[in-house]
C-alpha atoms as a PDB file:
ATOM      1  CA  MET A   1      23.367 -16.958  22.061  1.00  0.00           C
ATOM      2  CA  ARG A   2      21.658 -18.267  18.932  1.00  0.00           C
ATOM      3  CA  ARG A   3      23.730 -17.269  15.912  1.00  0.00           C
ATOM      4  CA  LEU A   4      22.110 -17.199  12.476  1.00  0.00           C
ATOM      5  CA  PHE A   5      24.345 -17.467   9.440  1.00  0.00           C
ATOM      6  CA  LEU A   6      23.064 -15.671   6.408  1.00  0.00           C
ATOM      7  CA  GLN A   7      23.088 -18.544   3.942  1.00  0.00           C
ATOM      8  CA  GLY A   8      19.966 -19.867   5.674  1.00  0.00           C
ATOM      9  CA  PHE A   9      17.606 -17.212   4.414  1.00  0.00           C
ATOM     10  CA  ALA A  10      18.217 -15.955   0.917  1.00  0.00           C
ATOM     11  CA  CYS A  11      21.284 -13.841   1.685  1.00  0.00           C
ATOM     12  CA  LEU A  12      24.424 -13.636  -0.400  1.00  0.00           C
ATOM     13  CA  ILE A  13      27.699 -13.572   1.560  1.00  0.00           C
ATOM     14  CA  LEU A  14      30.227 -14.805  -0.962  1.00  0.00           C
ATOM     15  CA  VAL A  15      33.741 -13.442  -0.566  1.00  0.00           C
ATOM     16  CA  SER A  16      35.688 -13.613  -3.809  1.00  0.00           C
ATOM     17  CA  GLY A  17      38.604 -11.882  -5.464  1.00  0.00           C
ATOM     18  CA  PRO A  18      41.052  -9.509  -3.770  1.00  0.00           C
ATOM     19  CA  ALA A  19      40.448  -7.943  -0.375  1.00  0.00           C
ATOM     20  CA  ALA A  20      39.152  -4.721  -1.890  1.00  0.00           C
ATOM     21  CA  TRP A  21      36.081  -6.602  -3.077  1.00  0.00           C
ATOM     22  CA  ALA A  22      35.054  -7.147   0.538  1.00  0.00           C
ATOM     23  CA  GLU A  23      34.245  -3.477   1.210  1.00  0.00           C
ATOM     24  CA  ALA A  24      30.488  -3.739   0.482  1.00  0.00           C
ATOM     25  CA  ARG A  25      27.681  -6.274   0.805  1.00  0.00           C
ATOM     26  CA  LEU A  26      23.950  -6.362   0.209  1.00  0.00           C
ATOM     27  CA  VAL A  27      22.205  -8.673   2.656  1.00  0.00           C
ATOM     28  CA  SER A  28      18.763  -9.636   1.325  1.00  0.00           C
ATOM     29  CA  PHE A  29      15.931 -11.273   3.240  1.00  0.00           C
ATOM     30  CA  THR A  30      12.891 -12.677   1.431  1.00  0.00           C
ATOM     31  CA  ARG A  31      11.899 -15.366   3.963  1.00  0.00           C
ATOM     32  CA  TRP A  32      11.184 -15.055   7.666  1.00  0.00           C
ATOM     33  CA  ASP A  33      11.193 -18.623   8.977  1.00  0.00           C
ATOM     34  CA  ALA A  34      14.576 -18.069  10.680  1.00  0.00           C
ATOM     35  CA  PHE A  35      13.215 -15.071  12.608  1.00  0.00           C
ATOM     36  CA  THR A  36      11.536 -15.298  15.994  1.00  0.00           C
ATOM     37  CA  VAL A  37       7.928 -14.124  15.751  1.00  0.00           C
ATOM     38  CA  SER A  38       6.174 -12.495  18.700  1.00  0.00           C
ATOM     39  CA  THR A  39       3.636  -9.792  19.525  1.00  0.00           C
ATOM     40  CA  ASP A  40       4.455  -6.531  21.287  1.00  0.00           C
ATOM     41  CA  PRO A  41       2.071  -6.487  24.271  1.00  0.00           C
ATOM     42  CA  LYS A  42       2.012  -2.667  24.332  1.00  0.00           C
ATOM     43  CA  THR A  43       1.342  -1.936  20.672  1.00  0.00           C
ATOM     44  CA  GLY A  44      -0.049  -5.192  19.319  1.00  0.00           C
ATOM     45  CA  GLU A  45       2.536  -5.115  16.515  1.00  0.00           C
ATOM     46  CA  THR A  46       4.015  -8.289  15.109  1.00  0.00           C
ATOM     47  CA  LEU A  47       7.739  -8.481  15.909  1.00  0.00           C
ATOM     48  CA  LEU A  48      10.233 -10.361  13.754  1.00  0.00           C
ATOM     49  CA  GLU A  49      13.637 -10.631  15.394  1.00  0.00           C
ATOM     50  CA  SER A  50      16.840 -12.272  14.261  1.00  0.00           C
ATOM     51  CA  GLY A  51      19.609 -13.710  16.311  1.00  0.00           C
ATOM     52  CA  GLY A  52      23.169 -12.587  15.708  1.00  0.00           C
ATOM     53  CA  LEU A  53      24.027 -12.163  12.031  1.00  0.00           C
ATOM     54  CA  GLU A  54      27.564 -12.310  10.652  1.00  0.00           C
ATOM     55  CA  PRO A  55      27.863 -10.974   7.090  1.00  0.00           C
ATOM     56  CA  GLY A  56      31.539 -11.905   6.831  1.00  0.00           C
ATOM     57  CA  VAL A  57      32.831  -8.358   6.354  1.00  0.00           C
ATOM     58  CA  PRO A  58      33.444  -5.457   8.747  1.00  0.00           C
ATOM     59  CA  TRP A  59      31.171  -2.461   8.170  1.00  0.00           C
ATOM     60  CA  ASN A  60      30.557   0.977   9.643  1.00  0.00           C
ATOM     61  CA  ARG A  61      27.729   2.173   7.382  1.00  0.00           C
ATOM     62  CA  MET A  62      24.333   0.551   6.896  1.00  0.00           C
ATOM     63  CA  VAL A  63      21.302   1.582   4.843  1.00  0.00           C
ATOM     64  CA  ALA A  64      18.107  -0.463   5.180  1.00  0.00           C
ATOM     65  CA  SER A  65      15.347  -0.723   2.585  1.00  0.00           C
ATOM     66  CA  TRP A  66      12.205  -2.810   2.461  1.00  0.00           C
ATOM     67  CA  ASN A  67       9.284  -3.778   0.222  1.00  0.00           C
ATOM     68  CA  ALA A  68       5.881  -4.170   1.876  1.00  0.00           C
ATOM     69  CA  VAL A  69       2.413  -4.753   0.467  1.00  0.00           C
ATOM     70  CA  PRO A  70       0.073  -1.841   1.330  1.00  0.00           C
ATOM     71  CA  PRO A  71      -1.418  -1.108   3.799  1.00  0.00           C
ATOM     72  CA  LEU A  72       1.265  -2.858   5.878  1.00  0.00           C
ATOM     73  CA  ALA A  73       3.130  -0.573   8.303  1.00  0.00           C
ATOM     74  CA  VAL A  74       6.807  -1.398   8.879  1.00  0.00           C
ATOM     75  CA  ALA A  75       9.526  -0.192  11.235  1.00  0.00           C
ATOM     76  CA  VAL A  76      13.030  -1.628  10.755  1.00  0.00           C
ATOM     77  CA  GLU A  77      15.440  -1.577  13.692  1.00  0.00           C
ATOM     78  CA  VAL A  78      19.076  -2.713  13.796  1.00  0.00           C
ATOM     79  CA  CYS A  79      21.457  -3.311  16.681  1.00  0.00           C
ATOM     80  CA  PRO A  80      25.092  -3.081  15.496  1.00  0.00           C
ATOM     81  CA  ALA A  81      26.174  -6.061  17.592  1.00  0.00           C
ATOM     82  CA  SER A  82      25.580  -9.782  17.266  1.00  0.00           C
ATOM     83  CA  THR A  83      25.168 -10.341  21.017  1.00  0.00           C
ATOM     84  CA  GLY A  84      22.118  -9.673  23.182  1.00  0.00           C
ATOM     85  CA  ASP A  85      23.550  -6.378  24.414  1.00  0.00           C
ATOM     86  CA  GLY A  86      23.308  -3.045  22.682  1.00  0.00           C
ATOM     87  CA  ARG A  87      20.827  -0.489  21.458  1.00  0.00           C
ATOM     88  CA  PHE A  88      18.516  -0.862  18.481  1.00  0.00           C
ATOM     89  CA  PHE A  89      18.466   2.058  16.029  1.00  0.00           C
ATOM     90  CA  SER A  90      15.344   2.666  13.962  1.00  0.00           C
ATOM     91  CA  PHE A  91      15.287   3.418  10.238  1.00  0.00           C
ATOM     92  CA  GLY A  92      11.890   4.991  10.796  1.00  0.00           C
ATOM     93  CA  ARG A  93       8.279   3.988  10.344  1.00  0.00           C
ATOM     94  CA  TRP A  94       6.866   3.387   6.899  1.00  0.00           C
ATOM     95  CA  THR A  95       3.487   2.817   5.334  1.00  0.00           C
ATOM     96  CA  ALA A  96       2.282   3.604   1.842  1.00  0.00           C
ATOM     97  CA  GLN A  97      -1.001   4.896   3.302  1.00  0.00           C
ATOM     98  CA  PRO A  98      -0.197   7.104   6.326  1.00  0.00           C
ATOM     99  CA  ALA A  99      -3.097   8.430   8.375  1.00  0.00           C
ATOM    100  CA  THR A 100      -0.849  10.855  10.273  1.00  0.00           C
ATOM    101  CA  PRO A 101       2.648  12.253   9.497  1.00  0.00           C
ATOM    102  CA  SER A 102       4.208  10.043  12.178  1.00  0.00           C
ATOM    103  CA  ASP A 103       2.977   6.918  10.364  1.00  0.00           C
ATOM    104  CA  ARG A 104       5.705   7.523   7.755  1.00  0.00           C
ATOM    105  CA  SER A 105       8.704   9.294   9.221  1.00  0.00           C
ATOM    106  CA  SER A 106      12.346   8.885  10.093  1.00  0.00           C
ATOM    107  CA  ILE A 107      13.239   9.329  13.753  1.00  0.00           C
ATOM    108  CA  GLY A 108      15.693  11.965  14.926  1.00  0.00           C
ATOM    109  CA  ASP A 109      18.028  12.172  17.930  1.00  0.00           C
ATOM    110  CA  GLN A 110      19.249   8.592  17.779  1.00  0.00           C
ATOM    111  CA  ARG A 111      22.812   8.437  18.998  1.00  0.00           C
ATOM    112  CA  GLU A 112      25.061   6.941  21.620  1.00  0.00           C
ATOM    113  CA  ALA A 113      28.812   6.601  22.020  1.00  0.00           C
ATOM    114  CA  GLY A 114      30.208   5.456  18.698  1.00  0.00           C
ATOM    115  CA  ALA A 115      26.926   5.214  16.765  1.00  0.00           C
ATOM    116  CA  ARG A 116      24.261   7.497  15.335  1.00  0.00           C
ATOM    117  CA  MET A 117      21.401   7.422  12.848  1.00  0.00           C
ATOM    118  CA  ASP A 118      21.625  10.007  10.050  1.00  0.00           C
ATOM    119  CA  THR A 119      18.039   9.843   8.669  1.00  0.00           C
ATOM    120  CA  ASP A 120      18.481   6.730   6.474  1.00  0.00           C
ATOM    121  CA  THR A 121      22.045   5.671   7.355  1.00  0.00           C
ATOM    122  CA  LEU A 122      23.386   4.018  10.493  1.00  0.00           C
ATOM    123  CA  ILE A 123      26.902   5.390  11.035  1.00  0.00           C
ATOM    124  CA  LEU A 124      29.461   3.848  13.377  1.00  0.00           C
ATOM    125  CA  SER A 125      32.741   5.380  14.466  1.00  0.00           C
ATOM    126  CA  GLN A 126      34.472   2.001  14.234  1.00  0.00           C
ATOM    127  CA  PRO A 127      33.746  -1.007  11.999  1.00  0.00           C
ATOM    128  CA  VAL A 128      31.955  -4.009  13.501  1.00  0.00           C
ATOM    129  CA  GLY A 129      31.232  -7.474  12.211  1.00  0.00           C
ATOM    130  CA  GLY A 130      27.793  -8.522  13.356  1.00  0.00           C
ATOM    131  CA  PHE A 131      24.335  -7.117  13.919  1.00  0.00           C
ATOM    132  CA  ARG A 132      20.780  -8.054  14.845  1.00  0.00           C
ATOM    133  CA  VAL A 133      17.558  -7.058  13.110  1.00  0.00           C
ATOM    134  CA  ARG A 134      14.108  -6.367  14.551  1.00  0.00           C
ATOM    135  CA  ILE A 135      11.096  -5.579  12.367  1.00  0.00           C
ATOM    136  CA  ARG A 136       7.872  -4.115  13.747  1.00  0.00           C
ATOM    137  CA  MET A 137       4.851  -4.789  11.553  1.00  0.00           C
ATOM    138  CA  GLY A 138       1.276  -3.573  11.680  1.00  0.00           C
ATOM    139  CA  GLY A 139       0.028  -6.595   9.774  1.00  0.00           C
ATOM    140  CA  PRO A 140       0.915 -10.187   8.799  1.00  0.00           C
ATOM    141  CA  LYS A 141       4.535 -11.038   8.086  1.00  0.00           C
ATOM    142  CA  GLU A 142       3.513 -12.415   4.674  1.00  0.00           C
ATOM    143  CA  SER A 143       2.880  -8.819   3.584  1.00  0.00           C
ATOM    144  CA  LEU A 144       6.596  -8.020   3.916  1.00  0.00           C
ATOM    145  CA  LYS A 145       8.194  -9.003   0.607  1.00  0.00           C
ATOM    146  CA  ARG A 146      11.833  -8.057   1.114  1.00  0.00           C
ATOM    147  CA  LEU A 147      14.321  -6.489   3.502  1.00  0.00           C
ATOM    148  CA  SER A 148      17.703  -5.326   2.213  1.00  0.00           C
ATOM    149  CA  LEU A 149      20.662  -4.120   4.255  1.00  0.00           C
ATOM    150  CA  ALA A 150      23.465  -2.350   2.386  1.00  0.00           C
ATOM    151  CA  LEU A 151      26.710  -2.681   4.352  1.00  0.00           C
ATOM    152  CA  SER A 152      29.858  -0.726   3.532  1.00  0.00           C
ATOM    153  CA  ARG A 153      33.088   0.757   4.832  1.00  0.00           C
ATOM    154  CA  SER A 154      33.132   4.541   4.592  1.00  0.00           C
ATOM    155  CA  LYS A 155      35.333   5.953   1.831  1.00  0.00           C
ATOM    156  CA  ALA A 156      36.470   2.525   0.726  1.00  0.00           C
ATOM    157  CA  PRO A 157      38.660   2.613  -2.378  1.00  0.00           C
ATOM    158  CA  SER A 158      36.966   1.822  -5.661  1.00  0.00           C
ATOM    159  CA  VAL A 159      37.610  -1.563  -7.227  1.00  0.00           C
ATOM    160  CA  GLU A 160      39.478  -0.770 -10.425  1.00  0.00           C
ATOM    161  CA  SER A 161      37.978  -3.077 -13.012  1.00  0.00           C
ATOM    162  CA  THR A 162      35.507  -2.884 -15.885  1.00  0.00           C
ATOM    163  CA  ASP A 163      32.736  -4.940 -17.432  1.00  0.00           C
ATOM    164  CA  ARG A 164      32.752  -3.892 -21.073  1.00  0.00           C
ATOM    165  CA  ALA A 165      29.539  -5.774 -21.825  1.00  0.00           C
ATOM    166  CA  ALA A 166      27.767  -2.506 -20.935  1.00  0.00           C
ATOM    167  CA  TRP A 167      29.952  -0.273 -23.111  1.00  0.00           C
ATOM    168  CA  ASP A 168      28.191   1.172 -26.135  1.00  0.00           C
ATOM    169  CA  ARG A 169      24.847   0.181 -24.650  1.00  0.00           C
ATOM    170  CA  VAL A 170      21.989   2.633 -24.091  1.00  0.00           C
ATOM    171  CA  LEU A 171      18.733   1.961 -22.216  1.00  0.00           C
ATOM    172  CA  GLU A 172      15.660   3.947 -23.200  1.00  0.00           C
ATOM    173  CA  VAL A 173      14.932   5.614 -19.871  1.00  0.00           C
ATOM    174  CA  PRO A 174      12.058   8.123 -20.080  1.00  0.00           C
ATOM    175  CA  ILE A 175      13.074  11.727 -19.495  1.00  0.00           C
ATOM    176  CA  ARG A 176      11.846  13.387 -16.303  1.00  0.00           C
ATOM    177  CA  SER A 177      12.858  16.867 -15.093  1.00  0.00           C
ATOM    178  CA  GLN A 178      12.458  18.667 -11.785  1.00  0.00           C
ATOM    179  CA  ALA A 179      12.298  21.884 -13.798  1.00  0.00           C
ATOM    180  CA  ASP A 180       8.800  20.878 -14.925  1.00  0.00           C
ATOM    181  CA  HIS A 181       7.649  21.396 -11.336  1.00  0.00           C
ATOM    182  CA  PRO A 182       8.462  24.775  -9.725  1.00  0.00           C
ATOM    183  CA  GLU A 183       7.662  23.453  -6.262  1.00  0.00           C
ATOM    184  CA  GLY A 184      10.358  20.794  -6.584  1.00  0.00           C
ATOM    185  CA  VAL A 185      12.876  22.327  -8.951  1.00  0.00           C
ATOM    186  CA  THR A 186      15.640  22.319  -6.308  1.00  0.00           C
ATOM    187  CA  LYS A 187      14.314  19.477  -4.152  1.00  0.00           C
ATOM    188  CA  TRP A 188      12.973  16.566  -6.143  1.00  0.00           C
ATOM    189  CA  CYS A 189      15.988  14.833  -7.700  1.00  0.00           C
ATOM    190  CA  SER A 190      15.313  11.647  -5.736  1.00  0.00           C
ATOM    191  CA  PRO A 191      11.599  11.231  -6.579  1.00  0.00           C
ATOM    192  CA  ALA A 192      12.378  12.262 -10.175  1.00  0.00           C
ATOM    193  CA  CYS A 193      14.893   9.415 -10.455  1.00  0.00           C
ATOM    194  CA  THR A 194      12.516   6.965  -8.792  1.00  0.00           C
ATOM    195  CA  ALA A 195       9.836   8.063 -11.282  1.00  0.00           C
ATOM    196  CA  MET A 196      12.238   7.430 -14.181  1.00  0.00           C
ATOM    197  CA  LEU A 197      13.022   3.902 -12.984  1.00  0.00           C
ATOM    198  CA  LEU A 198       9.313   3.100 -12.560  1.00  0.00           C
ATOM    199  CA  SER A 199       8.496   4.531 -15.989  1.00  0.00           C
ATOM    200  CA  PHE A 200      11.295   2.547 -17.643  1.00  0.00           C
ATOM    201  CA  TRP A 201       9.869  -0.720 -16.357  1.00  0.00           C
ATOM    202  CA  ALA A 202       6.309   0.365 -17.134  1.00  0.00           C
ATOM    203  CA  ASP A 203       7.321   0.834 -20.764  1.00  0.00           C
ATOM    204  CA  ARG A 204       9.482  -2.259 -21.046  1.00  0.00           C
ATOM    205  CA  GLU A 205       7.017  -4.627 -19.359  1.00  0.00           C
ATOM    206  CA  ARG A 206       3.928  -2.946 -20.840  1.00  0.00           C
ATOM    207  CA  ARG A 207       2.570  -2.239 -17.386  1.00  0.00           C
ATOM    208  CA  PRO A 208       1.279   1.357 -17.588  1.00  0.00           C
ATOM    209  CA  GLU A 209      -0.068   1.138 -14.028  1.00  0.00           C
ATOM    210  CA  TRP A 210       3.547   1.174 -12.810  1.00  0.00           C
ATOM    211  CA  ARG A 211       4.122   4.654 -14.216  1.00  0.00           C
ATOM    212  CA  ARG A 212       4.189   7.542 -11.720  1.00  0.00           C
ATOM    213  CA  ASP A 213       4.734  11.250 -12.251  1.00  0.00           C
ATOM    214  CA  ILE A 214       7.208  13.180 -10.132  1.00  0.00           C
ATOM    215  CA  PRO A 215       4.738  14.989  -7.811  1.00  0.00           C
ATOM    216  CA  GLU A 216       3.007  11.705  -6.986  1.00  0.00           C
ATOM    217  CA  VAL A 217       6.315  10.068  -6.085  1.00  0.00           C
ATOM    218  CA  ALA A 218       7.363  13.145  -4.089  1.00  0.00           C
ATOM    219  CA  ARG A 219       4.200  12.904  -2.000  1.00  0.00           C
ATOM    220  CA  GLY A 220       4.716   9.189  -1.533  1.00  0.00           C
ATOM    221  CA  VAL A 221       8.320   9.416  -0.304  1.00  0.00           C
ATOM    222  CA  PHE A 222       8.178  12.645   1.720  1.00  0.00           C
ATOM    223  CA  ASP A 223       9.772  12.208   5.124  1.00  0.00           C
ATOM    224  CA  PRO A 224       8.435  14.724   7.686  1.00  0.00           C
ATOM    225  CA  GLY A 225      11.099  13.649  10.169  1.00  0.00           C
ATOM    226  CA  TRP A 226      13.787  14.922   7.813  1.00  0.00           C
ATOM    227  CA  GLY A 227      11.685  17.445   5.929  1.00  0.00           C
ATOM    228  CA  GLY A 228      12.342  16.319   2.376  1.00  0.00           C
ATOM    229  CA  THR A 229      11.969  13.688  -0.332  1.00  0.00           C
ATOM    230  CA  GLY A 230      15.544  12.364  -0.403  1.00  0.00           C
ATOM    231  CA  ASN A 231      15.250   9.577   2.163  1.00  0.00           C
ATOM    232  CA  TRP A 232      16.912   6.679   0.318  1.00  0.00           C
ATOM    233  CA  SER A 233      15.029   3.999   2.263  1.00  0.00           C
ATOM    234  CA  PHE A 234      11.637   5.630   1.707  1.00  0.00           C
ATOM    235  CA  ASN A 235      12.186   5.990  -2.041  1.00  0.00           C
ATOM    236  CA  MET A 236      12.838   2.283  -2.430  1.00  0.00           C
ATOM    237  CA  ALA A 237       9.991   1.397  -0.050  1.00  0.00           C
ATOM    238  CA  TYR A 238       7.711   3.402  -2.342  1.00  0.00           C
ATOM    239  CA  ALA A 239       8.947   1.661  -5.504  1.00  0.00           C
ATOM    240  CA  GLY A 240       8.873  -1.763  -3.868  1.00  0.00           C
ATOM    241  CA  ALA A 241       5.260  -1.304  -2.784  1.00  0.00           C
ATOM    242  CA  VAL A 242       4.188  -1.330  -6.460  1.00  0.00           C
ATOM    243  CA  PRO A 243       2.742  -4.803  -7.217  1.00  0.00           C
ATOM    244  CA  GLY A 244       5.113  -6.761  -9.431  1.00  0.00           C
ATOM    245  CA  LEU A 245       8.186  -4.629  -8.666  1.00  0.00           C
ATOM    246  CA  ASN A 246      11.078  -4.959  -6.223  1.00  0.00           C
ATOM    247  CA  ALA A 247      13.474  -2.279  -5.009  1.00  0.00           C
ATOM    248  CA  ALA A 248      16.532  -1.890  -2.804  1.00  0.00           C
ATOM    249  CA  VAL A 249      19.179   0.610  -1.779  1.00  0.00           C
ATOM    250  CA  ALA A 250      22.636  -0.852  -2.360  1.00  0.00           C
ATOM    251  CA  ARG A 251      26.229   0.272  -2.272  1.00  0.00           C
ATOM    252  CA  PHE A 252      28.473  -0.807  -5.115  1.00  0.00           C
ATOM    253  CA  ARG A 253      32.218  -1.368  -5.081  1.00  0.00           C
ATOM    254  CA  GLY A 254      33.053   0.433  -8.302  1.00  0.00           C
ATOM    255  CA  LEU A 255      32.083   1.042 -11.908  1.00  0.00           C
ATOM    256  CA  ALA A 256      32.259  -2.660 -12.794  1.00  0.00           C
ATOM    257  CA  ASP A 257      29.229  -3.339 -10.572  1.00  0.00           C
ATOM    258  CA  LEU A 258      27.367  -0.484 -12.234  1.00  0.00           C
ATOM    259  CA  GLU A 259      28.283  -1.826 -15.666  1.00  0.00           C
ATOM    260  CA  GLN A 260      27.138  -5.308 -14.710  1.00  0.00           C
ATOM    261  CA  TRP A 261      23.717  -4.008 -13.646  1.00  0.00           C
ATOM    262  CA  VAL A 262      23.296  -2.010 -16.858  1.00  0.00           C
ATOM    263  CA  ALA A 263      24.511  -4.961 -18.952  1.00  0.00           C
ATOM    264  CA  ALA A 264      21.683  -7.004 -17.423  1.00  0.00           C
ATOM    265  CA  GLY A 265      19.267  -4.498 -18.962  1.00  0.00           C
ATOM    266  CA  ALA A 266      18.360  -2.326 -15.985  1.00  0.00           C
ATOM    267  CA  PRO A 267      18.982   1.382 -15.359  1.00  0.00           C
ATOM    268  CA  VAL A 268      20.123   2.507 -11.928  1.00  0.00           C
ATOM    269  CA  ALA A 269      19.828   5.736  -9.939  1.00  0.00           C
ATOM    270  CA  VAL A 270      23.032   6.885  -8.252  1.00  0.00           C
ATOM    271  CA  SER A 271      23.765   9.432  -5.545  1.00  0.00           C
ATOM    272  CA  VAL A 272      26.596  11.818  -6.444  1.00  0.00           C
ATOM    273  CA  SER A 273      28.229  15.139  -5.675  1.00  0.00           C
ATOM    274  CA  TYR A 274      26.729  17.490  -8.246  1.00  0.00           C
ATOM    275  CA  ALA A 275      29.802  19.722  -8.277  1.00  0.00           C
ATOM    276  CA  GLN A 276      32.142  16.817  -8.953  1.00  0.00           C
ATOM    277  CA  LEU A 277      29.770  15.401 -11.561  1.00  0.00           C
ATOM    278  CA  GLN A 278      30.213  18.696 -13.395  1.00  0.00           C
ATOM    279  CA  GLY A 279      33.992  18.268 -13.317  1.00  0.00           C
ATOM    280  CA  ARG A 280      34.987  20.245 -10.227  1.00  0.00           C
ATOM    281  CA  ALA A 281      37.757  18.833  -8.082  1.00  0.00           C
ATOM    282  CA  THR A 282      35.907  18.777  -4.756  1.00  0.00           C
ATOM    283  CA  ALA A 283      32.365  18.507  -3.459  1.00  0.00           C
ATOM    284  CA  GLU A 284      30.485  21.499  -2.113  1.00  0.00           C
ATOM    285  CA  PRO A 285      28.335  21.748   1.062  1.00  0.00           C
ATOM    286  CA  ASP A 286      24.912  20.088   0.727  1.00  0.00           C
ATOM    287  CA  ASP A 287      25.976  18.886  -2.706  1.00  0.00           C
ATOM    288  CA  GLY A 288      24.091  15.584  -2.907  1.00  0.00           C
ATOM    289  CA  HIS A 289      22.172  14.863  -6.109  1.00  0.00           C
ATOM    290  CA  LEU A 290      20.659  11.827  -7.827  1.00  0.00           C
ATOM    291  CA  VAL A 291      20.859  10.939 -11.511  1.00  0.00           C
ATOM    292  CA  VAL A 292      19.922   7.830 -13.511  1.00  0.00           C
ATOM    293  CA  VAL A 293      22.612   5.853 -15.327  1.00  0.00           C
ATOM    294  CA  ARG A 294      21.170   4.621 -18.618  1.00  0.00           C
ATOM    295  CA  GLY A 295      24.270   3.279 -20.356  1.00  0.00           C
ATOM    296  CA  PHE A 296      27.859   3.833 -21.437  1.00  0.00           C
ATOM    297  CA  THR A 297      29.648   5.134 -24.497  1.00  0.00           C
ATOM    298  CA  ALA A 298      31.913   2.955 -26.620  1.00  0.00           C
ATOM    299  CA  THR A 299      34.874   4.216 -24.573  1.00  0.00           C
ATOM    300  CA  GLY A 300      33.290   3.711 -21.150  1.00  0.00           C
ATOM    301  CA  ASP A 301      32.049   7.194 -20.319  1.00  0.00           C
ATOM    302  CA  VAL A 302      28.742   7.270 -18.461  1.00  0.00           C
ATOM    303  CA  ARG A 303      25.392   8.149 -20.040  1.00  0.00           C
ATOM    304  CA  ILE A 304      22.965   9.657 -17.539  1.00  0.00           C
ATOM    305  CA  ASN A 305      19.581  11.288 -17.196  1.00  0.00           C
ATOM    306  CA  ASP A 306      20.059  14.310 -14.932  1.00  0.00           C
ATOM    307  CA  PRO A 307      16.660  15.490 -13.598  1.00  0.00           C
ATOM    308  CA  GLY A 308      18.140  18.726 -12.268  1.00  0.00           C
ATOM    309  CA  VAL A 309      18.008  20.566 -15.606  1.00  0.00           C
ATOM    310  CA  ARG A 310      15.417  21.344 -18.262  1.00  0.00           C
ATOM    311  CA  ARG A 311      14.124  18.474 -20.377  1.00  0.00           C
ATOM    312  CA  GLU A 312      16.225  19.242 -23.423  1.00  0.00           C
ATOM    313  CA  ARG A 313      19.423  18.890 -21.354  1.00  0.00           C
ATOM    314  CA  VAL A 314      18.507  15.868 -19.184  1.00  0.00           C
ATOM    315  CA  GLN A 315      20.471  13.367 -21.293  1.00  0.00           C
ATOM    316  CA  LYS A 316      24.217  13.814 -20.738  1.00  0.00           C
ATOM    317  CA  VAL A 317      27.535  12.013 -21.075  1.00  0.00           C
ATOM    318  CA  ILE A 318      29.873  12.288 -18.079  1.00  0.00           C
ATOM    319  CA  PRO A 319      33.605  11.505 -18.360  1.00  0.00           C
ATOM    320  CA  ARG A 320      34.308   8.259 -16.570  1.00  0.00           C
ATOM    321  CA  ALA A 321      36.808   9.719 -14.085  1.00  0.00           C
ATOM    322  CA  ASP A 322      34.512  12.618 -13.158  1.00  0.00           C
ATOM    323  CA  PHE A 323      31.613  10.244 -12.581  1.00  0.00           C
ATOM    324  CA  ALA A 324      33.664   7.881 -10.405  1.00  0.00           C
ATOM    325  CA  ARG A 325      34.900  10.760  -8.246  1.00  0.00           C
ATOM    326  CA  ALA A 326      31.407  12.261  -7.863  1.00  0.00           C
ATOM    327  CA  TRP A 327      29.881   8.897  -6.945  1.00  0.00           C
ATOM    328  CA  THR A 328      32.390   8.307  -4.136  1.00  0.00           C
ATOM    329  CA  TYR A 329      30.703  11.238  -2.331  1.00  0.00           C
ATOM    330  CA  SER A 330      27.857   8.873  -1.288  1.00  0.00           C
ATOM    331  CA  ASP A 331      30.001   5.753  -0.803  1.00  0.00           C
ATOM    332  CA  ARG A 332      28.633   4.661  -4.207  1.00  0.00           C
ATOM    333  CA  THR A 333      24.971   4.484  -3.184  1.00  0.00           C
ATOM    334  CA  VAL A 334      22.441   3.274  -5.765  1.00  0.00           C
ATOM    335  CA  TYR A 335      18.693   2.710  -6.187  1.00  0.00           C
ATOM    336  CA  LEU A 336      17.876  -0.677  -7.745  1.00  0.00           C
ATOM    337  CA  VAL A 337      14.394  -1.403  -9.137  1.00  0.00           C
ATOM    338  CA  TRP A 338      13.486  -4.593 -11.019  1.00  0.00           C
ATOM    339  CA  PRO A 339      10.343  -6.593 -11.903  1.00  0.00           C
ATOM    340  CA  ASP A 340       9.426 -10.055 -10.661  1.00  0.00           C
ATOM    341  CA  GLY A 341      11.225 -12.676 -12.736  1.00  0.00           C
ATOM    342  CA  PHE A 342      14.075 -10.385 -13.810  1.00  0.00           C
ATOM    343  CA  ARG A 343      17.405 -12.197 -14.013  1.00  0.00           C
ATOM    344  CA  LEU A 344      19.600 -10.389 -11.512  1.00  0.00           C
ATOM    345  CA  PRO A 345      23.370 -10.123 -11.879  1.00  0.00           C
ATOM    346  CA  ASP A 346      25.453 -12.366  -9.672  1.00  0.00           C
ATOM    347  CA  GLY A 347      27.626 -10.819  -6.968  1.00  0.00           C
ATOM    348  CA  PRO A 348      27.753  -9.826  -3.291  1.00  0.00           C
ATOM    349  CA  VAL A 349      26.396  -6.294  -3.825  1.00  0.00           C
ATOM    350  CA  PHE A 350      23.349  -7.359  -5.863  1.00  0.00           C
ATOM    351  CA  PRO A 351      19.959  -8.393  -4.449  1.00  0.00           C
ATOM    352  CA  ARG A 352      18.879 -11.975  -4.087  1.00  0.00           C
END
């Protein structure tokens, strides 16, 4: 078996600090020379396939995200084993310019003993160490800019630390509200947050062509396989298809990672329990919601843009403890968007 170690192709696998810091990793690929390249004789697709990968931490949750230049079509598949045996699970097919609904769709009914695909998340009953990656591409491999794999342990404890460089800092994130759009008032939190991140960078970098309104993003991320606009992978594929921008789904280890990202000058969308965000003790069924973190108060409470309310109430301050509890609902999932040349924070959960 050919085993590929992640240092060889733009992946960060540093293990530092106490054991709790090892509960999440973001594995980033921006080069493909270590992948085997072939052609599928049945479909004519280009296949990129890795050998066994060892990220250095056990994981039982994985979310994939990718950035591809349109009109490239991409399908990302992962086998949760580093050997040649085992099934590949697909994170769906993606293209920014679908001709039919199946050209951009997650794939249902993927399960076997101990593993299943939940739309955008590969879930294992027991942690494993290694995995293999296969990418199907309807175009040249040079059109694939980035692949990111967010690895985590379910319900891992938060790392209790802070980075006060972000305290008393506020980023000017444009306000966007689902309530402006009756057709998406209860459905479009994810595209609304993606639209806010794109608009922030459009303003900061003076690139008005990066700006998108909520309905346009909603159309661009809609997943017919799931029936909604909340597919995490598809939202970041949409943002990362914008020329000059990069995007990834990641999972952070605690508020210090969030503070470090904001301190670098970038807002971040986070997936939370809406009930817990509002101060309730427990989450409610189908309670997932996305908001944008735009800064912190002088005492460390969290400043957000909540797209789920009318414009005049979008900007809120959430008590730190309430936010941390609500964020655990998604295993601390985040959307990261940044422009070419942006100086990224250093750490195992940040992109490289």
